[in-house]
Amino acid sequence: MGSFTLSIREERCKGCELCVSVCPKGVLAINKDKPNAAGYFPASVVKQDECVGCQSCVRMCPDVAITIEKKD
């Protein structure tokens, strides 16, 4: 595990929590401390090393705010 890098474009995220709900490893959480420029509370990566690269969060995100890349 830990061979993937998950990134969230916080400026695009509306905090719908769909990505959080589908992640099998609990890699994502909603950041309730810091709203983005649009006033939404975006998702954030809380367990980067647990990402297995399944892409469930990427497919679920309606705002195309998430990317996953394989580490070299």
PDB file of N, CA and C in Angstrom:
ATOM      1  N   MET A   1       0.830  -1.194   0.000  1.00  0.00           N
ATOM      2  CA  MET A   1       0.000   0.000   0.000  1.00  0.00           C
ATOM      3  C   MET A   1       0.868   1.249   0.000  1.00  0.00           C
ATOM      4  N   GLY A   2       0.235   2.382  -0.213  1.00  0.00           N
ATOM      5  CA  GLY A   2       0.964   3.631  -0.195  1.00  0.00           C
ATOM      6  C   GLY A   2       1.700   3.926  -1.481  1.00  0.00           C
ATOM      7  N   SER A   3       1.352   3.251  -2.571  1.00  0.00           N
ATOM      8  CA  SER A   3       2.048   3.502  -3.823  1.00  0.00           C
ATOM      9  C   SER A   3       1.264   4.433  -4.748  1.00  0.00           C
ATOM     10  N   PHE A   4       0.291   5.159  -4.181  1.00  0.00           N
ATOM     11  CA  PHE A   4      -0.513   6.099  -4.949  1.00  0.00           C
ATOM     12  C   PHE A   4      -0.548   7.450  -4.251  1.00  0.00           C
ATOM     13  N   THR A   5      -0.668   8.511  -5.050  1.00  0.00           N
ATOM     14  CA  THR A   5      -0.805   9.856  -4.510  1.00  0.00           C
ATOM     15  C   THR A   5      -2.177  10.382  -4.895  1.00  0.00           C
ATOM     16  N   LEU A   6      -2.985  10.675  -3.899  1.00  0.00           N
ATOM     17  CA  LEU A   6      -4.322  11.205  -4.105  1.00  0.00           C
ATOM     18  C   LEU A   6      -4.278  12.709  -3.887  1.00  0.00           C
ATOM     19  N   SER A   7      -4.834  13.468  -4.820  1.00  0.00           N
ATOM     20  CA  SER A   7      -4.854  14.927  -4.711  1.00  0.00           C
ATOM     21  C   SER A   7      -6.278  15.434  -4.872  1.00  0.00           C
ATOM     22  N   ILE A   8      -6.608  16.466  -4.108  1.00  0.00           N
ATOM     23  CA  ILE A   8      -7.923  17.096  -4.200  1.00  0.00           C
ATOM     24  C   ILE A   8      -7.743  18.560  -4.558  1.00  0.00           C
ATOM     25  N   ARG A   9      -8.432  18.983  -5.588  1.00  0.00           N
ATOM     26  CA  ARG A   9      -8.438  20.401  -5.950  1.00  0.00           C
ATOM     27  C   ARG A   9      -9.514  21.060  -5.096  1.00  0.00           C
ATOM     28  N   GLU A  10      -9.094  21.581  -3.955  1.00  0.00           N
ATOM     29  CA  GLU A  10     -10.032  22.103  -2.969  1.00  0.00           C
ATOM     30  C   GLU A  10     -10.921  23.207  -3.506  1.00  0.00           C
ATOM     31  N   GLU A  11     -10.419  23.980  -4.475  1.00  0.00           N
ATOM     32  CA  GLU A  11     -11.223  25.072  -5.019  1.00  0.00           C
ATOM     33  C   GLU A  11     -12.424  24.559  -5.820  1.00  0.00           C
ATOM     34  N   ARG A  12     -12.380  23.295  -6.259  1.00  0.00           N
ATOM     35  CA  ARG A  12     -13.494  22.709  -7.020  1.00  0.00           C
ATOM     36  C   ARG A  12     -14.452  21.921  -6.134  1.00  0.00           C
ATOM     37  N   CYS A  13     -13.998  21.507  -4.961  1.00  0.00           N
ATOM     38  CA  CYS A  13     -14.772  20.629  -4.084  1.00  0.00           C
ATOM     39  C   CYS A  13     -15.906  21.382  -3.390  1.00  0.00           C
ATOM     40  N   LYS A  14     -17.103  20.766  -3.392  1.00  0.00           N
ATOM     41  CA  LYS A  14     -18.261  21.354  -2.723  1.00  0.00           C
ATOM     42  C   LYS A  14     -18.589  20.642  -1.410  1.00  0.00           C
ATOM     43  N   GLY A  15     -17.735  19.723  -0.999  1.00  0.00           N
ATOM     44  CA  GLY A  15     -17.925  19.052   0.284  1.00  0.00           C
ATOM     45  C   GLY A  15     -19.140  18.151   0.347  1.00  0.00           C
ATOM     46  N   CYS A  16     -19.491  17.512  -0.753  1.00  0.00           N
ATOM     47  CA  CYS A  16     -20.692  16.665  -0.793  1.00  0.00           C
ATOM     48  C   CYS A  16     -20.514  15.351  -0.026  1.00  0.00           C
ATOM     49  N   GLU A  17     -19.285  14.982   0.264  1.00  0.00           N
ATOM     50  CA  GLU A  17     -18.931  13.776   1.020  1.00  0.00           C
ATOM     51  C   GLU A  17     -19.118  12.466   0.267  1.00  0.00           C
ATOM     52  N   LEU A  18     -19.427  12.520  -1.019  1.00  0.00           N
ATOM     53  CA  LEU A  18     -19.583  11.278  -1.780  1.00  0.00           C
ATOM     54  C   LEU A  18     -18.280  10.491  -1.811  1.00  0.00           C
ATOM     55  N   CYS A  19     -17.169  11.179  -1.987  1.00  0.00           N
ATOM     56  CA  CYS A  19     -15.866  10.502  -2.016  1.00  0.00           C
ATOM     57  C   CYS A  19     -15.554   9.850  -0.673  1.00  0.00           C
ATOM     58  N   VAL A  20     -15.886  10.549   0.390  1.00  0.00           N
ATOM     59  CA  VAL A  20     -15.643  10.031   1.741  1.00  0.00           C
ATOM     60  C   VAL A  20     -16.426   8.739   1.945  1.00  0.00           C
ATOM     61  N   SER A  21     -17.673   8.730   1.482  1.00  0.00           N
ATOM     62  CA  SER A  21     -18.539   7.574   1.715  1.00  0.00           C
ATOM     63  C   SER A  21     -18.133   6.334   0.921  1.00  0.00           C
ATOM     64  N   VAL A  22     -17.474   6.505  -0.227  1.00  0.00           N
ATOM     65  CA  VAL A  22     -17.125   5.332  -1.041  1.00  0.00           C
ATOM     66  C   VAL A  22     -15.699   4.828  -0.832  1.00  0.00           C
ATOM     67  N   CYS A  23     -14.869   5.571  -0.142  1.00  0.00           N
ATOM     68  CA  CYS A  23     -13.482   5.144   0.045  1.00  0.00           C
ATOM     69  C   CYS A  23     -13.417   3.942   0.990  1.00  0.00           C
ATOM     70  N   PRO A  24     -12.905   2.805   0.508  1.00  0.00           N
ATOM     71  CA  PRO A  24     -12.860   1.613   1.350  1.00  0.00           C
ATOM     72  C   PRO A  24     -11.808   1.675   2.460  1.00  0.00           C
ATOM     73  N   LYS A  25     -10.899   2.621   2.386  1.00  0.00           N
ATOM     74  CA  LYS A  25      -9.806   2.706   3.355  1.00  0.00           C
ATOM     75  C   LYS A  25      -9.883   3.931   4.261  1.00  0.00           C
ATOM     76  N   GLY A  26     -10.900   4.769   4.114  1.00  0.00           N
ATOM     77  CA  GLY A  26     -11.016   5.952   4.971  1.00  0.00           C
ATOM     78  C   GLY A  26      -9.927   6.978   4.731  1.00  0.00           C
ATOM     79  N   VAL A  27      -9.493   7.087   3.491  1.00  0.00           N
ATOM     80  CA  VAL A  27      -8.400   7.998   3.139  1.00  0.00           C
ATOM     81  C   VAL A  27      -8.839   9.461   3.195  1.00  0.00           C
ATOM     82  N   LEU A  28     -10.124   9.718   2.978  1.00  0.00           N
ATOM     83  CA  LEU A  28     -10.637  11.085   2.884  1.00  0.00           C
ATOM     84  C   LEU A  28     -11.545  11.456   4.046  1.00  0.00           C
ATOM     85  N   ALA A  29     -11.583  12.750   4.338  1.00  0.00           N
ATOM     86  CA  ALA A  29     -12.493  13.297   5.344  1.00  0.00           C
ATOM     87  C   ALA A  29     -12.828  14.727   4.929  1.00  0.00           C
ATOM     88  N   ILE A  30     -13.923  15.240   5.452  1.00  0.00           N
ATOM     89  CA  ILE A  30     -14.288  16.629   5.175  1.00  0.00           C
ATOM     90  C   ILE A  30     -13.551  17.524   6.160  1.00  0.00           C
ATOM     91  N   ASN A  31     -12.933  18.566   5.634  1.00  0.00           N
ATOM     92  CA  ASN A  31     -12.200  19.528   6.458  1.00  0.00           C
ATOM     93  C   ASN A  31     -13.182  20.591   6.946  1.00  0.00           C
ATOM     94  N   LYS A  32     -13.693  20.430   8.143  1.00  0.00           N
ATOM     95  CA  LYS A  32     -14.696  21.351   8.686  1.00  0.00           C
ATOM     96  C   LYS A  32     -14.077  22.584   9.333  1.00  0.00           C
ATOM     97  N   ASP A  33     -12.760  22.691   9.283  1.00  0.00           N
ATOM     98  CA  ASP A  33     -12.070  23.828   9.890  1.00  0.00           C
ATOM     99  C   ASP A  33     -11.807  24.970   8.921  1.00  0.00           C
ATOM    100  N   LYS A  34     -11.730  24.649   7.631  1.00  0.00           N
ATOM    101  CA  LYS A  34     -11.300  25.668   6.677  1.00  0.00           C
ATOM    102  C   LYS A  34     -12.132  25.613   5.397  1.00  0.00           C
ATOM    103  N   PRO A  35     -13.050  26.561   5.199  1.00  0.00           N
ATOM    104  CA  PRO A  35     -13.811  26.576   3.945  1.00  0.00           C
ATOM    105  C   PRO A  35     -12.931  27.028   2.780  1.00  0.00           C
ATOM    106  N   ASN A  36     -13.311  26.595   1.578  1.00  0.00           N
ATOM    107  CA  ASN A  36     -12.584  27.060   0.395  1.00  0.00           C
ATOM    108  C   ASN A  36     -13.109  28.441  -0.007  1.00  0.00           C
ATOM    109  N   ALA A  37     -12.610  28.988  -1.085  1.00  0.00           N
ATOM    110  CA  ALA A  37     -12.976  30.348  -1.502  1.00  0.00           C
ATOM    111  C   ALA A  37     -14.468  30.489  -1.792  1.00  0.00           C
ATOM    112  N   ALA A  38     -15.121  29.386  -2.162  1.00  0.00           N
ATOM    113  CA  ALA A  38     -16.555  29.417  -2.459  1.00  0.00           C
ATOM    114  C   ALA A  38     -17.410  29.227  -1.209  1.00  0.00           C
ATOM    115  N   GLY A  39     -16.763  28.990  -0.063  1.00  0.00           N
ATOM    116  CA  GLY A  39     -17.488  28.817   1.189  1.00  0.00           C
ATOM    117  C   GLY A  39     -17.847  27.384   1.532  1.00  0.00           C
ATOM    118  N   TYR A  40     -17.414  26.431   0.708  1.00  0.00           N
ATOM    119  CA  TYR A  40     -17.661  25.014   0.980  1.00  0.00           C
ATOM    120  C   TYR A  40     -16.532  24.444   1.831  1.00  0.00           C
ATOM    121  N   PHE A  41     -16.855  23.390   2.566  1.00  0.00           N
ATOM    122  CA  PHE A  41     -15.845  22.690   3.353  1.00  0.00           C
ATOM    123  C   PHE A  41     -15.379  21.484   2.534  1.00  0.00           C
ATOM    124  N   PRO A  42     -14.196  21.564   1.955  1.00  0.00           N
ATOM    125  CA  PRO A  42     -13.739  20.529   1.020  1.00  0.00           C
ATOM    126  C   PRO A  42     -13.250  19.257   1.707  1.00  0.00           C
ATOM    127  N   ALA A  43     -13.206  18.209   0.916  1.00  0.00           N
ATOM    128  CA  ALA A  43     -12.602  16.964   1.379  1.00  0.00           C
ATOM    129  C   ALA A  43     -11.096  17.164   1.466  1.00  0.00           C
ATOM    130  N   SER A  44     -10.477  16.389   2.336  1.00  0.00           N
ATOM    131  CA  SER A  44      -9.022  16.430   2.435  1.00  0.00           C
ATOM    132  C   SER A  44      -8.503  15.009   2.635  1.00  0.00           C
ATOM    133  N   VAL A  45      -7.252  14.824   2.303  1.00  0.00           N
ATOM    134  CA  VAL A  45      -6.605  13.518   2.433  1.00  0.00           C
ATOM    135  C   VAL A  45      -6.081  13.395   3.857  1.00  0.00           C
ATOM    136  N   VAL A  46      -6.553  12.376   4.574  1.00  0.00           N
ATOM    137  CA  VAL A  46      -6.139  12.200   5.965  1.00  0.00           C
ATOM    138  C   VAL A  46      -5.294  10.944   6.188  1.00  0.00           C
ATOM    139  N   LYS A  47      -5.304  10.030   5.221  1.00  0.00           N
ATOM    140  CA  LYS A  47      -4.517   8.794   5.339  1.00  0.00           C
ATOM    141  C   LYS A  47      -3.898   8.446   3.984  1.00  0.00           C
ATOM    142  N   GLN A  48      -3.045   9.325   3.490  1.00  0.00           N
ATOM    143  CA  GLN A  48      -2.450   9.156   2.154  1.00  0.00           C
ATOM    144  C   GLN A  48      -1.842   7.768   1.960  1.00  0.00           C
ATOM    145  N   ASP A  49      -1.162   7.257   2.952  1.00  0.00           N
ATOM    146  CA  ASP A  49      -0.480   5.965   2.828  1.00  0.00           C
ATOM    147  C   ASP A  49      -1.431   4.779   2.702  1.00  0.00           C
ATOM    148  N   GLU A  50      -2.709   4.988   3.003  1.00  0.00           N
ATOM    149  CA  GLU A  50      -3.686   3.903   2.920  1.00  0.00           C
ATOM    150  C   GLU A  50      -4.338   3.782   1.541  1.00  0.00           C
ATOM    151  N   CYS A  51      -4.121   4.760   0.664  1.00  0.00           N
ATOM    152  CA  CYS A  51      -4.760   4.751  -0.660  1.00  0.00           C
ATOM    153  C   CYS A  51      -4.289   3.545  -1.469  1.00  0.00           C
ATOM    154  N   VAL A  52      -5.255   2.772  -1.979  1.00  0.00           N
ATOM    155  CA  VAL A  52      -4.943   1.590  -2.782  1.00  0.00           C
ATOM    156  C   VAL A  52      -5.160   1.842  -4.278  1.00  0.00           C
ATOM    157  N   GLY A  53      -5.512   3.069  -4.642  1.00  0.00           N
ATOM    158  CA  GLY A  53      -5.661   3.427  -6.049  1.00  0.00           C
ATOM    159  C   GLY A  53      -6.891   2.855  -6.724  1.00  0.00           C
ATOM    160  N   CYS A  54      -7.937   2.565  -5.984  1.00  0.00           N
ATOM    161  CA  CYS A  54      -9.130   1.933  -6.559  1.00  0.00           C
ATOM    162  C   CYS A  54      -9.950   2.875  -7.442  1.00  0.00           C
ATOM    163  N   GLN A  55      -9.734   4.184  -7.308  1.00  0.00           N
ATOM    164  CA  GLN A  55     -10.405   5.202  -8.122  1.00  0.00           C
ATOM    165  C   GLN A  55     -11.889   5.382  -7.799  1.00  0.00           C
ATOM    166  N   SER A  56     -12.392   4.779  -6.730  1.00  0.00           N
ATOM    167  CA  SER A  56     -13.806   4.946  -6.375  1.00  0.00           C
ATOM    168  C   SER A  56     -14.144   6.408  -6.125  1.00  0.00           C
ATOM    169  N   CYS A  57     -13.281   7.101  -5.438  1.00  0.00           N
ATOM    170  CA  CYS A  57     -13.527   8.515  -5.137  1.00  0.00           C
ATOM    171  C   CYS A  57     -13.503   9.361  -6.407  1.00  0.00           C
ATOM    172  N   VAL A  58     -12.596   9.049  -7.313  1.00  0.00           N
ATOM    173  CA  VAL A  58     -12.478   9.788  -8.574  1.00  0.00           C
ATOM    174  C   VAL A  58     -13.760   9.639  -9.386  1.00  0.00           C
ATOM    175  N   ARG A  59     -14.256   8.416  -9.493  1.00  0.00           N
ATOM    176  CA  ARG A  59     -15.480   8.161 -10.259  1.00  0.00           C
ATOM    177  C   ARG A  59     -16.702   8.791  -9.607  1.00  0.00           C
ATOM    178  N   MET A  60     -16.731   8.862  -8.295  1.00  0.00           N
ATOM    179  CA  MET A  60     -17.895   9.380  -7.580  1.00  0.00           C
ATOM    180  C   MET A  60     -17.958  10.903  -7.565  1.00  0.00           C
ATOM    181  N   CYS A  61     -16.834  11.581  -7.672  1.00  0.00           N
ATOM    182  CA  CYS A  61     -16.791  13.040  -7.520  1.00  0.00           C
ATOM    183  C   CYS A  61     -17.512  13.759  -8.664  1.00  0.00           C
ATOM    184  N   PRO A  62     -18.612  14.467  -8.364  1.00  0.00           N
ATOM    185  CA  PRO A  62     -19.343  15.176  -9.417  1.00  0.00           C
ATOM    186  C   PRO A  62     -18.626  16.442  -9.892  1.00  0.00           C
ATOM    187  N   ASP A  63     -17.634  16.885  -9.150  1.00  0.00           N
ATOM    188  CA  ASP A  63     -16.936  18.129  -9.475  1.00  0.00           C
ATOM    189  C   ASP A  63     -15.563  17.905 -10.106  1.00  0.00           C
ATOM    190  N   VAL A  64     -15.223  16.651 -10.380  1.00  0.00           N
ATOM    191  CA  VAL A  64     -13.938  16.282 -10.984  1.00  0.00           C
ATOM    192  C   VAL A  64     -12.789  16.960 -10.226  1.00  0.00           C
ATOM    193  N   ALA A  65     -12.830  16.831  -8.915  1.00  0.00           N
ATOM    194  CA  ALA A  65     -11.856  17.500  -8.056  1.00  0.00           C
ATOM    195  C   ALA A  65     -10.753  16.573  -7.554  1.00  0.00           C
ATOM    196  N   ILE A  66     -10.830  15.282  -7.874  1.00  0.00           N
ATOM    197  CA  ILE A  66      -9.895  14.304  -7.308  1.00  0.00           C
ATOM    198  C   ILE A  66      -9.087  13.629  -8.409  1.00  0.00           C
ATOM    199  N   THR A  67      -7.798  13.490  -8.158  1.00  0.00           N
ATOM    200  CA  THR A  67      -6.933  12.721  -9.050  1.00  0.00           C
ATOM    201  C   THR A  67      -6.105  11.744  -8.222  1.00  0.00           C
ATOM    202  N   ILE A  68      -5.799  10.615  -8.824  1.00  0.00           N
ATOM    203  CA  ILE A  68      -4.925   9.624  -8.196  1.00  0.00           C
ATOM    204  C   ILE A  68      -3.836   9.282  -9.198  1.00  0.00           C
ATOM    205  N   GLU A  69      -2.602   9.348  -8.737  1.00  0.00           N
ATOM    206  CA  GLU A  69      -1.461   9.005  -9.582  1.00  0.00           C
ATOM    207  C   GLU A  69      -0.634   7.926  -8.904  1.00  0.00           C
ATOM    208  N   LYS A  70      -0.118   7.018  -9.711  1.00  0.00           N
ATOM    209  CA  LYS A  70       0.763   5.976  -9.183  1.00  0.00           C
ATOM    210  C   LYS A  70       2.138   6.575  -8.953  1.00  0.00           C
ATOM    211  N   LYS A  71       2.703   6.298  -7.778  1.00  0.00           N
ATOM    212  CA  LYS A  71       4.060   6.766  -7.480  1.00  0.00           C
ATOM    213  C   LYS A  71       5.062   5.945  -8.265  1.00  0.00           C
ATOM    214  N   ASP A  72       6.167   6.571  -8.619  1.00  0.00           N
ATOM    215  CA  ASP A  72       7.239   5.860  -9.335  1.00  0.00           C
ATOM    216  C   ASP A  72       8.020   4.967  -8.411  1.00  0.00           C
TER     217      ASP A  72
END
